[in-house]
Amino acid sequence: MQQDPREAGRDNLSKLVVKVLGTSNKVNVRLTNNTPDVLKIQRGNEMLVTTPGGANNSVVVGVQRLKKGAYNVEAVIEQ
């Protein structure tokens, strides 16, 4: 998972990119926001996303930075 490269160096983070490497299949990924005081995920602090598959096997998640500081969002692949 990474910050959208187009937002590098900006304080007002608005997107995270969840990219699955090593497969072109659709993958279910559970996201858990461990720092809800720093970062708000638009669809909740715990959510399941599914990548579309293909060469760019990634999904964009909308977020809002609430204050400066390190954030931690855990991504776990679900079977």
C-alpha atoms as a PDB file:
ATOM      1  CA  MET A   1       0.000   0.000   0.000  1.00  0.00           C
ATOM      2  CA  GLN A   2       1.320   3.438  -0.812  1.00  0.00           C
ATOM      3  CA  GLN A   3       0.361   7.052  -0.930  1.00  0.00           C
ATOM      4  CA  ASP A   4      -0.738   8.154  -4.396  1.00  0.00           C
ATOM      5  CA  PRO A   5       2.574   9.300  -5.975  1.00  0.00           C
ATOM      6  CA  ARG A   6       0.893  12.449  -7.320  1.00  0.00           C
ATOM      7  CA  GLU A   7       0.330  13.555  -3.713  1.00  0.00           C
ATOM      8  CA  ALA A   8       3.936  13.119  -2.536  1.00  0.00           C
ATOM      9  CA  GLY A   9       5.023  15.892  -0.190  1.00  0.00           C
ATOM     10  CA  ARG A  10       1.510  17.264   0.300  1.00  0.00           C
ATOM     11  CA  ASP A  11      -0.086  17.527   3.727  1.00  0.00           C
ATOM     12  CA  ASN A  12      -3.645  16.908   2.512  1.00  0.00           C
ATOM     13  CA  LEU A  13      -3.460  13.224   1.597  1.00  0.00           C
ATOM     14  CA  SER A  14      -6.656  12.112  -0.170  1.00  0.00           C
ATOM     15  CA  LYS A  15      -5.879   8.664  -1.650  1.00  0.00           C
ATOM     16  CA  LEU A  16      -4.065   5.452  -0.830  1.00  0.00           C
ATOM     17  CA  VAL A  17      -3.258   2.907  -3.522  1.00  0.00           C
ATOM     18  CA  VAL A  18      -3.519  -0.792  -2.621  1.00  0.00           C
ATOM     19  CA  LYS A  19      -1.562  -2.809  -5.198  1.00  0.00           C
ATOM     20  CA  VAL A  20      -1.200  -6.587  -5.223  1.00  0.00           C
ATOM     21  CA  LEU A  21       1.985  -7.917  -6.820  1.00  0.00           C
ATOM     22  CA  GLY A  22       2.661 -11.419  -8.114  1.00  0.00           C
ATOM     23  CA  THR A  23      -0.765 -12.185  -9.558  1.00  0.00           C
ATOM     24  CA  SER A  24      -3.137 -10.793 -12.146  1.00  0.00           C
ATOM     25  CA  ASN A  25      -6.149 -12.383 -10.416  1.00  0.00           C
ATOM     26  CA  LYS A  26      -8.706 -10.455  -8.369  1.00  0.00           C
ATOM     27  CA  VAL A  27      -7.688 -10.390  -4.695  1.00  0.00           C
ATOM     28  CA  ASN A  28      -9.663  -9.556  -1.535  1.00  0.00           C
ATOM     29  CA  VAL A  29      -7.677  -7.316   0.817  1.00  0.00           C
ATOM     30  CA  ARG A  30      -8.815  -6.371   4.341  1.00  0.00           C
ATOM     31  CA  LEU A  31      -7.694  -2.886   5.382  1.00  0.00           C
ATOM     32  CA  THR A  32      -7.484  -1.867   9.031  1.00  0.00           C
ATOM     33  CA  ASN A  33      -6.766   1.728  10.000  1.00  0.00           C
ATOM     34  CA  ASN A  34      -4.617   1.576  13.146  1.00  0.00           C
ATOM     35  CA  THR A  35      -4.350   5.379  13.427  1.00  0.00           C
ATOM     36  CA  PRO A  36      -7.905   6.774  13.120  1.00  0.00           C
ATOM     37  CA  ASP A  37      -6.848   9.945  14.948  1.00  0.00           C
ATOM     38  CA  VAL A  38      -4.394  10.749  12.101  1.00  0.00           C
ATOM     39  CA  LEU A  39      -6.107   9.310   9.012  1.00  0.00           C
ATOM     40  CA  LYS A  40      -9.781   8.789   8.173  1.00  0.00           C
ATOM     41  CA  ILE A  41     -10.690   6.164   5.578  1.00  0.00           C
ATOM     42  CA  GLN A  42     -13.855   7.269   3.800  1.00  0.00           C
ATOM     43  CA  ARG A  43     -15.560   3.879   4.051  1.00  0.00           C
ATOM     44  CA  GLY A  44     -14.617   3.144   7.674  1.00  0.00           C
ATOM     45  CA  ASN A  45     -11.645   2.069   9.772  1.00  0.00           C
ATOM     46  CA  GLU A  46     -11.974  -1.555   8.699  1.00  0.00           C
ATOM     47  CA  MET A  47     -13.020  -2.538   5.209  1.00  0.00           C
ATOM     48  CA  LEU A  48     -12.694  -5.201   2.547  1.00  0.00           C
ATOM     49  CA  VAL A  49     -11.615  -4.145  -0.947  1.00  0.00           C
ATOM     50  CA  THR A  50     -11.261  -6.292  -4.049  1.00  0.00           C
ATOM     51  CA  THR A  51      -8.646  -5.516  -6.666  1.00  0.00           C
ATOM     52  CA  PRO A  52      -9.829  -5.735 -10.281  1.00  0.00           C
ATOM     53  CA  GLY A  53      -7.078  -8.079 -11.451  1.00  0.00           C
ATOM     54  CA  GLY A  54      -5.021  -7.509 -14.569  1.00  0.00           C
ATOM     55  CA  ALA A  55      -1.595  -5.974 -15.088  1.00  0.00           C
ATOM     56  CA  ASN A  56      -2.250  -3.016 -12.757  1.00  0.00           C
ATOM     57  CA  ASN A  57      -3.866  -5.017  -9.967  1.00  0.00           C
ATOM     58  CA  SER A  58      -4.646  -2.075  -7.691  1.00  0.00           C
ATOM     59  CA  VAL A  59      -7.515  -0.207  -6.083  1.00  0.00           C
ATOM     60  CA  VAL A  60      -7.643   3.402  -4.855  1.00  0.00           C
ATOM     61  CA  VAL A  61      -9.077   4.129  -1.402  1.00  0.00           C
ATOM     62  CA  GLY A  62     -10.238   7.612  -0.448  1.00  0.00           C
ATOM     63  CA  VAL A  63      -8.792   8.987   2.795  1.00  0.00           C
ATOM     64  CA  GLN A  64      -8.538  12.246   4.697  1.00  0.00           C
ATOM     65  CA  ARG A  65      -5.533  13.227   6.805  1.00  0.00           C
ATOM     66  CA  LEU A  66      -6.860  14.644  10.076  1.00  0.00           C
ATOM     67  CA  LYS A  67      -3.522  15.872  11.435  1.00  0.00           C
ATOM     68  CA  LYS A  68       0.192  15.640  10.759  1.00  0.00           C
ATOM     69  CA  GLY A  69       1.950  12.507  11.906  1.00  0.00           C
ATOM     70  CA  ALA A  70       2.655   8.947  10.910  1.00  0.00           C
ATOM     71  CA  TYR A  71      -0.280   6.784   9.903  1.00  0.00           C
ATOM     72  CA  ASN A  72      -0.598   3.006   9.849  1.00  0.00           C
ATOM     73  CA  VAL A  73      -3.043   1.107   7.663  1.00  0.00           C
ATOM     74  CA  GLU A  74      -2.671  -2.671   7.714  1.00  0.00           C
ATOM     75  CA  ALA A  75      -3.454  -4.633   4.534  1.00  0.00           C
ATOM     76  CA  VAL A  76      -4.045  -8.392   4.790  1.00  0.00           C
ATOM     77  CA  ILE A  77      -4.901 -10.657   1.862  1.00  0.00           C
ATOM     78  CA  GLU A  78      -7.987 -12.765   2.546  1.00  0.00           C
ATOM     79  CA  GLN A  79      -8.425 -16.223   1.061  1.00  0.00           C
END
